[in-house]
Amino acid sequence: MIRRLQAKDIDTVAQIWLDANRDAHDFISAEYWESNYLPVKERLLQAEVYVYIDEYKNEIEGFVGLDQEYIAGIFVRKEVRSTGIGKALLDFVKGKKQELTLNVYQKNERAVGFYEREGFHAIERTTDESTGEKEYLMKWDRKECEEYAD
């Protein structure tokens, strides 16, 4: 089940954010993510965030954060990655938007491949000012995907 973030979810969601970033971005120091933990936790409550809940365990397994048509991130617990949760969250937000953009670190090849399989393509190469890491700005457009499918 996917639903909007509730205040009672914030500790779990913030911990998923921290753990997923430390794990997926081992090329960035853990201290960087830890120093951003509290500010991100506060911002999550203000943002458009949807959580994926395992209905059998009644636990949050992942979430997606949006800022208009920009995906700030999709984060899934390590133990349940590659089980379709990230795709379910992405499909959920694709159902709400006509186009989406996101930034992904170039070194995070697993994420780059995931987004490419899901119809995103790189439109720009940039550098994240706060980490110095190279990243792609990627875009998904419903109309382009529909035209390609025809």
C-alpha atoms as a PDB file:
ATOM      1  CA  MET A   1       0.000   0.000   0.000  1.00  0.00           C
ATOM      2  CA  ILE A   2       1.215   3.503  -0.791  1.00  0.00           C
ATOM      3  CA  ARG A   3      -0.050   6.507   1.139  1.00  0.00           C
ATOM      4  CA  ARG A   4       0.965  10.032   2.068  1.00  0.00           C
ATOM      5  CA  LEU A   5       3.559  10.490   4.821  1.00  0.00           C
ATOM      6  CA  GLN A   6       2.094  11.090   8.280  1.00  0.00           C
ATOM      7  CA  ALA A   7       3.885  12.772  11.182  1.00  0.00           C
ATOM      8  CA  LYS A   8       4.061   9.448  13.050  1.00  0.00           C
ATOM      9  CA  ASP A   9       6.150   8.035  10.146  1.00  0.00           C
ATOM     10  CA  ILE A  10       8.956  10.576  10.296  1.00  0.00           C
ATOM     11  CA  ASP A  11      11.476   8.684  12.451  1.00  0.00           C
ATOM     12  CA  THR A  12      11.207   5.541  10.319  1.00  0.00           C
ATOM     13  CA  VAL A  13      11.362   7.447   7.036  1.00  0.00           C
ATOM     14  CA  ALA A  14      14.339   9.554   8.126  1.00  0.00           C
ATOM     15  CA  GLN A  15      16.220   6.417   9.189  1.00  0.00           C
ATOM     16  CA  ILE A  16      15.503   4.773   5.815  1.00  0.00           C
ATOM     17  CA  TRP A  17      16.851   7.937   4.141  1.00  0.00           C
ATOM     18  CA  LEU A  18      20.053   7.839   6.187  1.00  0.00           C
ATOM     19  CA  ASP A  19      20.674   4.109   5.821  1.00  0.00           C
ATOM     20  CA  ALA A  20      19.936   4.071   2.085  1.00  0.00           C
ATOM     21  CA  ASN A  21      22.212   7.030   1.388  1.00  0.00           C
ATOM     22  CA  ARG A  22      25.108   5.597   3.378  1.00  0.00           C
ATOM     23  CA  ASP A  23      24.693   2.254   1.612  1.00  0.00           C
ATOM     24  CA  ALA A  24      24.074   3.392  -1.984  1.00  0.00           C
ATOM     25  CA  HIS A  25      26.565   6.268  -1.923  1.00  0.00           C
ATOM     26  CA  ASP A  26      29.639   4.716  -0.333  1.00  0.00           C
ATOM     27  CA  PHE A  27      31.725   7.129  -2.430  1.00  0.00           C
ATOM     28  CA  ILE A  28      30.500   9.957  -0.155  1.00  0.00           C
ATOM     29  CA  SER A  29      31.512  10.023   3.506  1.00  0.00           C
ATOM     30  CA  ALA A  30      28.962   8.739   6.004  1.00  0.00           C
ATOM     31  CA  GLU A  31      29.541  11.942   7.986  1.00  0.00           C
ATOM     32  CA  TYR A  32      28.041  13.949   5.120  1.00  0.00           C
ATOM     33  CA  TRP A  33      24.746  12.055   5.342  1.00  0.00           C
ATOM     34  CA  GLU A  34      24.757  12.091   9.135  1.00  0.00           C
ATOM     35  CA  SER A  35      25.268  15.876   9.196  1.00  0.00           C
ATOM     36  CA  ASN A  36      22.224  16.290   6.928  1.00  0.00           C
ATOM     37  CA  TYR A  37      19.985  13.918   8.882  1.00  0.00           C
ATOM     38  CA  LEU A  38      18.158  16.464  11.068  1.00  0.00           C
ATOM     39  CA  PRO A  39      17.618  19.112   8.356  1.00  0.00           C
ATOM     40  CA  VAL A  40      16.298  16.444   5.973  1.00  0.00           C
ATOM     41  CA  LYS A  41      14.043  15.038   8.681  1.00  0.00           C
ATOM     42  CA  GLU A  42      12.492  18.489   9.127  1.00  0.00           C
ATOM     43  CA  ARG A  43      12.104  19.002   5.353  1.00  0.00           C
ATOM     44  CA  LEU A  44      10.423  15.636   4.903  1.00  0.00           C
ATOM     45  CA  LEU A  45       7.483  16.824   6.997  1.00  0.00           C
ATOM     46  CA  GLN A  46       7.016  19.795   4.672  1.00  0.00           C
ATOM     47  CA  ALA A  47       7.434  17.874   1.416  1.00  0.00           C
ATOM     48  CA  GLU A  48       5.172  15.737  -0.745  1.00  0.00           C
ATOM     49  CA  VAL A  49       6.212  12.275   0.448  1.00  0.00           C
ATOM     50  CA  TYR A  50       4.574   8.908  -0.164  1.00  0.00           C
ATOM     51  CA  VAL A  51       5.427   5.799   1.834  1.00  0.00           C
ATOM     52  CA  TYR A  52       5.251   2.164   0.794  1.00  0.00           C
ATOM     53  CA  ILE A  53       3.860  -0.032   3.555  1.00  0.00           C
ATOM     54  CA  ASP A  54       4.212  -3.802   3.658  1.00  0.00           C
ATOM     55  CA  GLU A  55       0.652  -4.738   4.511  1.00  0.00           C
ATOM     56  CA  TYR A  56       1.616  -8.051   6.133  1.00  0.00           C
ATOM     57  CA  LYS A  57       4.204  -6.589   8.490  1.00  0.00           C
ATOM     58  CA  ASN A  58       2.513  -3.163   8.643  1.00  0.00           C
ATOM     59  CA  GLU A  59       5.948  -1.539   8.241  1.00  0.00           C
ATOM     60  CA  ILE A  60       7.232   1.229   6.024  1.00  0.00           C
ATOM     61  CA  GLU A  61       9.675  -0.315   3.544  1.00  0.00           C
ATOM     62  CA  GLY A  62      10.408   2.734   1.391  1.00  0.00           C
ATOM     63  CA  PHE A  63       9.336   6.177   0.280  1.00  0.00           C
ATOM     64  CA  VAL A  64       9.494   8.714  -2.505  1.00  0.00           C
ATOM     65  CA  GLY A  65       9.839  12.469  -2.029  1.00  0.00           C
ATOM     66  CA  LEU A  66       8.617  15.008  -4.572  1.00  0.00           C
ATOM     67  CA  ASP A  67       8.998  18.730  -5.128  1.00  0.00           C
ATOM     68  CA  GLN A  68       6.453  19.474  -7.845  1.00  0.00           C
ATOM     69  CA  GLU A  69       7.697  17.374 -10.814  1.00  0.00           C
ATOM     70  CA  TYR A  70      11.129  16.771  -9.282  1.00  0.00           C
ATOM     71  CA  ILE A  71      11.835  13.468  -7.522  1.00  0.00           C
ATOM     72  CA  ALA A  72      14.020  14.351  -4.566  1.00  0.00           C
ATOM     73  CA  GLY A  73      14.640  10.654  -4.033  1.00  0.00           C
ATOM     74  CA  ILE A  74      13.339   7.111  -3.822  1.00  0.00           C
ATOM     75  CA  PHE A  75      14.614   5.228  -0.807  1.00  0.00           C
ATOM     76  CA  VAL A  76      14.022   1.576   0.054  1.00  0.00           C
ATOM     77  CA  ARG A  77      15.246  -0.472   3.012  1.00  0.00           C
ATOM     78  CA  LYS A  78      18.296  -2.523   2.038  1.00  0.00           C
ATOM     79  CA  GLU A  79      16.669  -5.821   3.040  1.00  0.00           C
ATOM     80  CA  VAL A  80      13.847  -5.389   0.505  1.00  0.00           C
ATOM     81  CA  ARG A  81      15.613  -3.715  -2.417  1.00  0.00           C
ATOM     82  CA  SER A  82      15.075  -5.306  -5.826  1.00  0.00           C
ATOM     83  CA  THR A  83      11.643  -6.600  -4.805  1.00  0.00           C
ATOM     84  CA  GLY A  84       9.609  -4.056  -6.792  1.00  0.00           C
ATOM     85  CA  ILE A  85       9.093  -1.430  -4.094  1.00  0.00           C
ATOM     86  CA  GLY A  86      11.105   1.283  -5.865  1.00  0.00           C
ATOM     87  CA  LYS A  87       9.255   0.572  -9.117  1.00  0.00           C
ATOM     88  CA  ALA A  88       5.897   0.660  -7.320  1.00  0.00           C
ATOM     89  CA  LEU A  89       6.729   4.055  -5.797  1.00  0.00           C
ATOM     90  CA  LEU A  90       7.938   5.366  -9.159  1.00  0.00           C
ATOM     91  CA  ASP A  91       4.849   4.073 -10.971  1.00  0.00           C
ATOM     92  CA  PHE A  92       2.697   5.716  -8.305  1.00  0.00           C
ATOM     93  CA  VAL A  93       4.203   9.170  -8.913  1.00  0.00           C
ATOM     94  CA  LYS A  94       4.232   8.631 -12.696  1.00  0.00           C
ATOM     95  CA  GLY A  95       0.462   8.231 -12.372  1.00  0.00           C
ATOM     96  CA  LYS A  96       0.254  11.701 -10.824  1.00  0.00           C
ATOM     97  CA  LYS A  97       2.556  13.653 -13.177  1.00  0.00           C
ATOM     98  CA  GLN A  98       3.028  14.297 -16.883  1.00  0.00           C
ATOM     99  CA  GLU A  99       6.784  14.576 -16.567  1.00  0.00           C
ATOM    100  CA  LEU A 100       9.380  14.009 -13.877  1.00  0.00           C
ATOM    101  CA  THR A 101      13.006  14.947 -13.361  1.00  0.00           C
ATOM    102  CA  LEU A 102      15.622  13.824 -10.855  1.00  0.00           C
ATOM    103  CA  ASN A 103      19.328  13.940 -10.171  1.00  0.00           C
ATOM    104  CA  VAL A 104      21.327  10.754  -9.712  1.00  0.00           C
ATOM    105  CA  TYR A 105      25.022  10.359  -8.999  1.00  0.00           C
ATOM    106  CA  GLN A 106      26.882   8.937 -11.991  1.00  0.00           C
ATOM    107  CA  LYS A 107      28.744   6.516  -9.690  1.00  0.00           C
ATOM    108  CA  ASN A 108      25.425   5.060  -8.528  1.00  0.00           C
ATOM    109  CA  GLU A 109      25.241   2.806 -11.576  1.00  0.00           C
ATOM    110  CA  ARG A 110      22.477   0.653 -10.101  1.00  0.00           C
ATOM    111  CA  ALA A 111      20.177   3.673  -9.764  1.00  0.00           C
ATOM    112  CA  VAL A 112      21.118   5.046 -13.190  1.00  0.00           C
ATOM    113  CA  GLY A 113      20.235   1.690 -14.758  1.00  0.00           C
ATOM    114  CA  PHE A 114      16.951   1.530 -12.833  1.00  0.00           C
ATOM    115  CA  TYR A 115      15.838   4.953 -14.026  1.00  0.00           C
ATOM    116  CA  GLU A 116      16.858   4.224 -17.617  1.00  0.00           C
ATOM    117  CA  ARG A 117      14.805   0.997 -17.565  1.00  0.00           C
ATOM    118  CA  GLU A 118      11.885   3.054 -16.275  1.00  0.00           C
ATOM    119  CA  GLY A 119      11.958   5.469 -19.215  1.00  0.00           C
ATOM    120  CA  PHE A 120      14.201   8.243 -17.883  1.00  0.00           C
ATOM    121  CA  HIS A 121      17.065   9.615 -19.938  1.00  0.00           C
ATOM    122  CA  ALA A 122      19.947  11.905 -19.049  1.00  0.00           C
ATOM    123  CA  ILE A 123      19.419  15.447 -20.280  1.00  0.00           C
ATOM    124  CA  GLU A 124      22.340  17.120 -18.531  1.00  0.00           C
ATOM    125  CA  ARG A 125      25.553  16.315 -16.685  1.00  0.00           C
ATOM    126  CA  THR A 126      26.131  18.385 -13.585  1.00  0.00           C
ATOM    127  CA  THR A 127      28.162  18.400 -10.398  1.00  0.00           C
ATOM    128  CA  ASP A 128      26.524  18.319  -6.972  1.00  0.00           C
ATOM    129  CA  GLU A 129      27.913  21.430  -5.287  1.00  0.00           C
ATOM    130  CA  SER A 130      27.654  19.989  -1.775  1.00  0.00           C
ATOM    131  CA  THR A 131      29.535  16.740  -2.498  1.00  0.00           C
ATOM    132  CA  GLY A 132      31.571  17.546  -5.616  1.00  0.00           C
ATOM    133  CA  GLU A 133      30.228  14.361  -7.231  1.00  0.00           C
ATOM    134  CA  LYS A 134      29.195  14.218 -10.880  1.00  0.00           C
ATOM    135  CA  GLU A 135      25.547  13.497 -11.495  1.00  0.00           C
ATOM    136  CA  TYR A 136      22.973  13.248 -14.248  1.00  0.00           C
ATOM    137  CA  LEU A 137      19.816  15.283 -14.483  1.00  0.00           C
ATOM    138  CA  MET A 138      17.341  12.752 -15.840  1.00  0.00           C
ATOM    139  CA  LYS A 139      13.874  13.232 -17.267  1.00  0.00           C
ATOM    140  CA  TRP A 140      10.796  11.122 -17.880  1.00  0.00           C
ATOM    141  CA  ASP A 141       7.983  12.414 -20.077  1.00  0.00           C
ATOM    142  CA  ARG A 142       4.640  10.615 -20.373  1.00  0.00           C
ATOM    143  CA  LYS A 143       4.087  11.836 -23.950  1.00  0.00           C
ATOM    144  CA  GLU A 144       7.522  10.651 -25.110  1.00  0.00           C
ATOM    145  CA  CYS A 145       6.922   7.235 -23.554  1.00  0.00           C
ATOM    146  CA  GLU A 146       3.495   6.943 -25.202  1.00  0.00           C
ATOM    147  CA  GLU A 147       4.894   7.973 -28.599  1.00  0.00           C
ATOM    148  CA  TYR A 148       7.747   5.480 -28.247  1.00  0.00           C
ATOM    149  CA  ALA A 149       5.298   2.695 -27.400  1.00  0.00           C
ATOM    150  CA  ASP A 150       3.179   3.347 -30.499  1.00  0.00           C
END
